[in-house]
Amino acid sequence: MKLSISIPDDLFERAQRLARRTKKSRKRLFMDALKEYVARHTSDKVTEKMNRALAEVGGSDDPFVSTAAQRILKRNER
């Protein structure tokens, strides 16, 4: 699908520099950026579903398991 958008000149210039620096086309840069943005914002729905499932089966009271799970989640949020 083709899409035409308008963005501020300074944002365009910054994107242009980033594309050159990362050796990507502008098209690839914008596609990657949009994919990342969408993925970040849909993770809330995944987290919500996981929380509901966990509530149904019950959580672990084991401090080691809880701490390990928190570390993994924090690492994956980046």
N, C-alpha and C. Protein backbone atom coordinates (compact mmCIF):
# COMPACT_ATOMS: atom_id res chain seq x y z
N MET A 1 0.84 -1.17 0.00
CA MET A 1 0.00 0.00 0.00
C MET A 1 0.89 1.24 0.00
N LYS A 2 0.49 2.21 -0.75
CA LYS A 2 1.19 3.49 -0.76
C LYS A 2 0.50 4.45 0.18
N LEU A 3 1.30 5.33 0.77
CA LEU A 3 0.78 6.30 1.72
C LEU A 3 1.56 7.59 1.56
N SER A 4 0.87 8.68 1.59
CA SER A 4 1.53 9.98 1.51
C SER A 4 1.23 10.74 2.79
N ILE A 5 2.29 11.21 3.46
CA ILE A 5 2.12 11.97 4.69
C ILE A 5 2.99 13.21 4.66
N SER A 6 2.67 14.15 5.50
CA SER A 6 3.50 15.35 5.66
C SER A 6 4.10 15.31 7.06
N ILE A 7 5.39 15.59 7.14
CA ILE A 7 6.07 15.64 8.44
C ILE A 7 6.88 16.93 8.48
N PRO A 8 7.19 17.41 9.67
CA PRO A 8 7.98 18.64 9.79
C PRO A 8 9.37 18.45 9.16
N ASP A 9 9.90 19.52 8.60
CA ASP A 9 11.19 19.48 7.92
C ASP A 9 12.31 18.96 8.82
N ASP A 10 12.32 19.41 10.09
CA ASP A 10 13.41 18.97 10.97
C ASP A 10 13.34 17.47 11.24
N LEU A 11 12.16 16.91 11.36
CA LEU A 11 12.02 15.47 11.55
C LEU A 11 12.46 14.72 10.30
N PHE A 12 12.12 15.25 9.15
CA PHE A 12 12.55 14.63 7.90
C PHE A 12 14.07 14.61 7.80
N GLU A 13 14.71 15.72 8.13
CA GLU A 13 16.17 15.80 8.06
C GLU A 13 16.82 14.82 9.03
N ARG A 14 16.27 14.71 10.24
CA ARG A 14 16.83 13.77 11.21
C ARG A 14 16.66 12.33 10.72
N ALA A 15 15.52 12.04 10.13
CA ALA A 15 15.29 10.70 9.58
C ALA A 15 16.24 10.43 8.42
N GLN A 16 16.43 11.43 7.60
CA GLN A 16 17.35 11.29 6.45
C GLN A 16 18.77 10.97 6.94
N ARG A 17 19.23 11.69 7.95
CA ARG A 17 20.57 11.43 8.49
C ARG A 17 20.66 10.03 9.10
N LEU A 18 19.63 9.63 9.82
CA LEU A 18 19.62 8.30 10.43
C LEU A 18 19.63 7.22 9.35
N ALA A 19 18.88 7.42 8.31
CA ALA A 19 18.85 6.43 7.22
C ALA A 19 20.24 6.29 6.60
N ARG A 20 20.90 7.41 6.37
CA ARG A 20 22.26 7.34 5.81
C ARG A 20 23.21 6.64 6.76
N ARG A 21 23.13 7.01 8.05
CA ARG A 21 24.04 6.45 9.05
C ARG A 21 23.84 4.94 9.21
N THR A 22 22.59 4.49 9.12
CA THR A 22 22.29 3.06 9.30
C THR A 22 22.27 2.30 7.97
N LYS A 23 22.57 3.04 6.88
CA LYS A 23 22.61 2.44 5.54
C LYS A 23 21.29 1.78 5.18
N LYS A 24 20.21 2.49 5.48
CA LYS A 24 18.86 2.03 5.13
C LYS A 24 18.23 3.05 4.20
N SER A 25 17.30 2.59 3.41
CA SER A 25 16.52 3.53 2.61
C SER A 25 15.55 4.26 3.55
N ARG A 26 15.08 5.40 3.13
CA ARG A 26 14.08 6.11 3.94
C ARG A 26 12.84 5.24 4.11
N LYS A 27 12.46 4.57 3.03
CA LYS A 27 11.29 3.69 3.09
C LYS A 27 11.47 2.64 4.18
N ARG A 28 12.62 1.98 4.21
CA ARG A 28 12.90 0.95 5.21
C ARG A 28 12.91 1.55 6.60
N LEU A 29 13.51 2.72 6.75
CA LEU A 29 13.57 3.39 8.05
C LEU A 29 12.17 3.67 8.59
N PHE A 30 11.32 4.24 7.75
CA PHE A 30 9.96 4.56 8.19
C PHE A 30 9.14 3.30 8.46
N MET A 31 9.32 2.26 7.64
CA MET A 31 8.61 1.00 7.89
C MET A 31 9.05 0.38 9.21
N ASP A 32 10.36 0.36 9.47
CA ASP A 32 10.87 -0.18 10.72
C ASP A 32 10.36 0.61 11.92
N ALA A 33 10.36 1.92 11.79
CA ALA A 33 9.90 2.78 12.89
C ALA A 33 8.42 2.54 13.18
N LEU A 34 7.63 2.41 12.14
CA LEU A 34 6.20 2.19 12.34
C LEU A 34 5.94 0.81 12.94
N LYS A 35 6.67 -0.20 12.50
CA LYS A 35 6.53 -1.54 13.07
C LYS A 35 6.86 -1.53 14.56
N GLU A 36 7.95 -0.84 14.91
CA GLU A 36 8.34 -0.77 16.32
C GLU A 36 7.29 -0.04 17.15
N TYR A 37 6.77 1.06 16.62
CA TYR A 37 5.75 1.83 17.33
C TYR A 37 4.50 0.99 17.57
N VAL A 38 4.05 0.30 16.54
CA VAL A 38 2.86 -0.53 16.66
C VAL A 38 3.09 -1.66 17.66
N ALA A 39 4.26 -2.29 17.59
CA ALA A 39 4.58 -3.38 18.51
C ALA A 39 4.58 -2.89 19.96
N ARG A 40 5.13 -1.74 20.18
CA ARG A 40 5.17 -1.20 21.56
C ARG A 40 3.77 -0.95 22.09
N HIS A 41 2.89 -0.48 21.25
CA HIS A 41 1.56 -0.12 21.73
C HIS A 41 0.59 -1.29 21.75
N THR A 42 0.89 -2.36 21.08
CA THR A 42 0.02 -3.53 21.16
C THR A 42 0.45 -4.44 22.30
N SER A 43 1.63 -4.22 22.86
CA SER A 43 2.08 -5.06 23.97
C SER A 43 1.18 -4.89 25.19
N ASP A 44 0.53 -3.73 25.31
CA ASP A 44 -0.38 -3.52 26.43
C ASP A 44 -1.51 -4.55 26.39
N LYS A 45 -2.00 -4.86 25.20
CA LYS A 45 -3.07 -5.84 25.06
C LYS A 45 -2.57 -7.23 25.43
N VAL A 46 -1.35 -7.54 25.03
CA VAL A 46 -0.76 -8.84 25.37
C VAL A 46 -0.59 -8.95 26.88
N THR A 47 -0.08 -7.90 27.49
CA THR A 47 0.11 -7.90 28.95
C THR A 47 -1.23 -8.06 29.66
N GLU A 48 -2.24 -7.37 29.17
CA GLU A 48 -3.57 -7.47 29.77
C GLU A 48 -4.10 -8.91 29.69
N LYS A 49 -3.93 -9.56 28.54
CA LYS A 49 -4.38 -10.94 28.39
C LYS A 49 -3.58 -11.88 29.29
N MET A 50 -2.28 -11.63 29.40
CA MET A 50 -1.46 -12.47 30.27
C MET A 50 -1.88 -12.30 31.73
N ASN A 51 -2.18 -11.08 32.13
CA ASN A 51 -2.62 -10.82 33.50
C ASN A 51 -3.93 -11.54 33.80
N ARG A 52 -4.86 -11.53 32.83
CA ARG A 52 -6.13 -12.24 33.02
C ARG A 52 -5.90 -13.74 33.16
N ALA A 53 -5.03 -14.28 32.31
CA ALA A 53 -4.75 -15.72 32.37
C ALA A 53 -4.10 -16.09 33.70
N LEU A 54 -3.17 -15.26 34.15
CA LEU A 54 -2.50 -15.51 35.42
C LEU A 54 -3.48 -15.44 36.58
N ALA A 55 -4.42 -14.52 36.51
CA ALA A 55 -5.42 -14.40 37.56
C ALA A 55 -6.28 -15.67 37.62
N GLU A 56 -6.53 -16.28 36.47
CA GLU A 56 -7.34 -17.50 36.44
C GLU A 56 -6.60 -18.69 37.03
N VAL A 57 -5.30 -18.82 36.73
CA VAL A 57 -4.56 -19.99 37.21
C VAL A 57 -3.84 -19.73 38.52
N GLY A 58 -3.71 -18.48 38.89
CA GLY A 58 -3.03 -18.13 40.13
C GLY A 58 -1.56 -17.86 39.90
N GLY A 59 -1.01 -16.98 40.69
CA GLY A 59 0.40 -16.61 40.57
C GLY A 59 1.27 -17.42 41.50
N SER A 60 2.56 -17.23 41.38
CA SER A 60 3.51 -17.93 42.24
C SER A 60 3.88 -17.04 43.41
N ASP A 61 3.91 -17.66 44.59
CA ASP A 61 4.33 -16.92 45.78
C ASP A 61 5.82 -17.06 46.02
N ASP A 62 6.50 -17.78 45.14
CA ASP A 62 7.93 -18.01 45.28
C ASP A 62 8.68 -16.72 44.93
N PRO A 63 9.43 -16.14 45.88
CA PRO A 63 10.13 -14.88 45.63
C PRO A 63 11.14 -14.98 44.47
N PHE A 64 11.81 -16.12 44.33
CA PHE A 64 12.77 -16.29 43.25
C PHE A 64 12.07 -16.21 41.90
N VAL A 65 10.94 -16.90 41.76
CA VAL A 65 10.20 -16.91 40.50
C VAL A 65 9.69 -15.51 40.18
N SER A 66 9.18 -14.83 41.18
CA SER A 66 8.67 -13.47 40.97
C SER A 66 9.77 -12.51 40.53
N THR A 67 10.92 -12.57 41.19
CA THR A 67 12.04 -11.70 40.84
C THR A 67 12.56 -12.01 39.45
N ALA A 68 12.69 -13.30 39.12
CA ALA A 68 13.17 -13.69 37.79
C ALA A 68 12.20 -13.23 36.71
N ALA A 69 10.92 -13.38 36.95
CA ALA A 69 9.91 -12.96 35.97
C ALA A 69 9.96 -11.45 35.76
N GLN A 70 10.11 -10.69 36.83
CA GLN A 70 10.19 -9.23 36.71
C GLN A 70 11.41 -8.82 35.90
N ARG A 71 12.54 -9.46 36.13
CA ARG A 71 13.76 -9.14 35.38
C ARG A 71 13.58 -9.44 33.89
N ILE A 72 12.97 -10.56 33.58
CA ILE A 72 12.74 -10.92 32.17
C ILE A 72 11.81 -9.92 31.51
N LEU A 73 10.74 -9.55 32.20
CA LEU A 73 9.81 -8.58 31.62
C LEU A 73 10.47 -7.23 31.39
N LYS A 74 11.26 -6.76 32.35
CA LYS A 74 11.94 -5.48 32.19
C LYS A 74 12.90 -5.51 31.02
N ARG A 75 13.63 -6.62 30.88
CA ARG A 75 14.59 -6.75 29.80
C ARG A 75 13.88 -6.77 28.44
N ASN A 76 12.71 -7.36 28.38
CA ASN A 76 11.97 -7.45 27.11
C ASN A 76 11.21 -6.18 26.76
N GLU A 77 11.03 -5.27 27.71
CA GLU A 77 10.33 -4.01 27.45
C GLU A 77 11.19 -3.03 26.70
N ARG A 78 12.49 -3.22 26.69
CA ARG A 78 13.41 -2.28 26.04
C ARG A 78 13.31 -2.32 24.58
